[in-house]
Amino acid sequence: MSFSDQVRECIRNTINDQDKRFACLYGMLLFGRTVTREEIVLKSESEVFDSVFPILMKTVFGASVPLQIESKPRKSGEILHIYRITGESYVTMIRRRFHIHEERRIDMRNLPTNSIGMFLGGVFLTCGSMTDPMKAYHLEFTAPTEALCKDLCDILYSVGVHPGMIQRRYAYSAYLKMYEEIGDLLTFIGAQRCTLDLIDIQIDKEVKNKVNRMNNCDMANIDKVISASEKQVRDIETIIAFDGMQELTPELRELAELRIENPHLSLAELSEMLSKPIGRSGVNHRFRRLSAIAEGYRKEHGCAE
């Protein structure tokens, strides 16, 4: 089951009283494919939609409105269900009940404050979708007209989220991309379980990102240690090439010999192997002295590093 279907399933389970049924059906009808004087048409490939819409129609309008249902197989294997209400008298009755006019706009008379979440749930059932949050955070509503999409954005703003809006071919989309806002909206429309799933996914992502950053940091440190060690070995080899080891102080000679024998050890590890252990900074200081001596030999003899 896709994440979008999980959201729809949660919404379906919250339609539990008459006001919510009315608000949900209003959202589904208003954002349907076609609303004219002669017919109302809604299309969906969602099994949840198929289980909700006919029941809501019967609950709100009884058996007085005949509902024509057509099924069309898709190449993907999905079944497209087309719900059609025809007959001017039936369409007029529905449009008057929900105050749906020629220019479809959201009429707040249909939405007491406690019904806005269920209305948005109905809109999601008809035209909402959500990308798998393991891949990206993207929740979207597709509206048939620009005016209706703007009305939807206004309602979304009123409940505390900040949608973007874009035109796609012959439709308009309101979308959210912020993880926190998507979670807030899912909770508001009755999909609390999906919000918890979203939080779990976000936590997993944060843990994986932290591990990746630590690994990258470790690799960078390892590369830095190896690069420094290689430079130290080259300096010591330069000193050896010009028979300079015997001229070194006992402390520098001891460290140079340890580095040649242990090219991959860190400064801290080398410090512990000295006859008189010193701190990491002390070891680093001795290597700088060795580097200066090697550089002196190179300049004296005209050699590159």
Foldseek 3Di string as FASTA:
>chain_A
DALLLLLLVQLLVPCDDDLLLLLLLLLQQLQADDQDLFKGKHKDLHPSLVVRNVVSCCVVPNPPWDWDWDWDADPVRTIMIMIMTGDNVNSVVVCVVLVADPPGAHDCVSPDPLRLLSNVSSQSSGAWDFHRVLVFGKIKGKGQDPRRQVRVQVVLVVQPDHWDWDDDVRIIMTMDGDLVSVLSSSVSNRNPVSSVVSVVSVVVVVVVVVVVVVVVVVVVVQVVQLVVLVLLLVLLVLCVVVVNLVVDDPQLNQLNVVSNVPSRDGLQVSQVVDPNRDDSVVSVVSSVVSNVVSVVSCVVVVHDD
